[in-house]
Amino acid sequence: MGIIRSSFSLIAGTVCGIYIAQNYNVPNINKLIQNALFKAKDVEEKYRKPPKPGDRL
């Protein structure tokens, strides 16, 4: 009885997550994160200070 009682929330969360993913339009989190990282990198490159003429890379 202990293992069923301790893992009930995990099982219930998994079942609810499967139901929600199948029946509702849930956004792809991985795609959103990749898009945000790409935009952050683009902004960082756009506003980076130019290197000084004597500096090495």
C-alpha atoms as a PDB file:
ATOM      1  CA  MET A   1       0.000   0.000   0.000  1.00  0.00           C
ATOM      2  CA  GLY A   2       2.931   2.357   0.634  1.00  0.00           C
ATOM      3  CA  ILE A   3       4.258   2.465  -2.920  1.00  0.00           C
ATOM      4  CA  ILE A   4       0.805   3.131  -4.390  1.00  0.00           C
ATOM      5  CA  ARG A   5       0.122   5.860  -1.858  1.00  0.00           C
ATOM      6  CA  SER A   6       3.485   7.564  -2.378  1.00  0.00           C
ATOM      7  CA  SER A   7       3.305   7.502  -6.176  1.00  0.00           C
ATOM      8  CA  PHE A   8      -0.358   8.500  -6.507  1.00  0.00           C
ATOM      9  CA  SER A   9       0.448  12.169  -7.269  1.00  0.00           C
ATOM     10  CA  LEU A  10       2.985  11.134  -9.923  1.00  0.00           C
ATOM     11  CA  ILE A  11       0.504   8.822 -11.627  1.00  0.00           C
ATOM     12  CA  ALA A  12      -2.344  11.356 -11.387  1.00  0.00           C
ATOM     13  CA  GLY A  13      -0.120  14.123 -12.822  1.00  0.00           C
ATOM     14  CA  THR A  14       1.002  11.923 -15.694  1.00  0.00           C
ATOM     15  CA  VAL A  15      -2.565  10.940 -16.574  1.00  0.00           C
ATOM     16  CA  CYS A  16      -3.754  14.567 -16.408  1.00  0.00           C
ATOM     17  CA  GLY A  17      -0.795  15.718 -18.516  1.00  0.00           C
ATOM     18  CA  ILE A  18      -1.505  13.131 -21.192  1.00  0.00           C
ATOM     19  CA  TYR A  19      -5.176  14.107 -21.271  1.00  0.00           C
ATOM     20  CA  ILE A  20      -4.401  17.828 -21.557  1.00  0.00           C
ATOM     21  CA  ALA A  21      -1.751  17.285 -24.258  1.00  0.00           C
ATOM     22  CA  GLN A  22      -4.144  15.235 -26.377  1.00  0.00           C
ATOM     23  CA  ASN A  23      -7.244  17.400 -26.034  1.00  0.00           C
ATOM     24  CA  TYR A  24      -5.929  20.978 -25.900  1.00  0.00           C
ATOM     25  CA  ASN A  25      -3.599  23.081 -28.017  1.00  0.00           C
ATOM     26  CA  VAL A  26      -0.520  23.080 -25.779  1.00  0.00           C
ATOM     27  CA  PRO A  27       2.475  25.037 -27.151  1.00  0.00           C
ATOM     28  CA  ASN A  28       5.758  23.257 -27.789  1.00  0.00           C
ATOM     29  CA  ILE A  29       7.967  24.458 -24.913  1.00  0.00           C
ATOM     30  CA  ASN A  30      11.197  23.349 -26.569  1.00  0.00           C
ATOM     31  CA  LYS A  31      10.405  25.438 -29.656  1.00  0.00           C
ATOM     32  CA  LEU A  32       9.596  28.481 -27.495  1.00  0.00           C
ATOM     33  CA  ILE A  33      12.878  28.167 -25.583  1.00  0.00           C
ATOM     34  CA  GLN A  34      14.932  27.794 -28.762  1.00  0.00           C
ATOM     35  CA  ASN A  35      13.215  30.850 -30.255  1.00  0.00           C
ATOM     36  CA  ALA A  36      13.895  32.924 -27.107  1.00  0.00           C
ATOM     37  CA  LEU A  37      17.581  31.897 -27.057  1.00  0.00           C
ATOM     38  CA  PHE A  38      17.948  32.774 -30.744  1.00  0.00           C
ATOM     39  CA  LYS A  39      16.426  36.222 -30.176  1.00  0.00           C
ATOM     40  CA  ALA A  40      18.609  36.827 -27.105  1.00  0.00           C
ATOM     41  CA  LYS A  41      21.734  35.887 -29.080  1.00  0.00           C
ATOM     42  CA  ASP A  42      20.649  38.164 -31.925  1.00  0.00           C
ATOM     43  CA  VAL A  43      20.127  41.109 -29.558  1.00  0.00           C
ATOM     44  CA  GLU A  44      23.462  40.435 -27.841  1.00  0.00           C
ATOM     45  CA  GLU A  45      25.323  40.418 -31.168  1.00  0.00           C
ATOM     46  CA  LYS A  46      23.500  43.526 -32.358  1.00  0.00           C
ATOM     47  CA  TYR A  47      24.358  45.632 -29.290  1.00  0.00           C
ATOM     48  CA  ARG A  48      27.853  44.279 -28.589  1.00  0.00           C
ATOM     49  CA  LYS A  49      30.591  46.885 -28.440  1.00  0.00           C
ATOM     50  CA  PRO A  50      32.953  46.689 -31.393  1.00  0.00           C
ATOM     51  CA  PRO A  51      36.454  45.455 -30.538  1.00  0.00           C
ATOM     52  CA  LYS A  52      39.232  48.012 -30.247  1.00  0.00           C
ATOM     53  CA  PRO A  53      41.737  48.044 -33.116  1.00  0.00           C
ATOM     54  CA  GLY A  54      44.594  46.669 -30.953  1.00  0.00           C
ATOM     55  CA  ASP A  55      42.566  43.895 -29.261  1.00  0.00           C
ATOM     56  CA  ARG A  56      42.975  40.252 -30.150  1.00  0.00           C
ATOM     57  CA  LEU A  57      40.049  37.856 -30.396  1.00  0.00           C
END
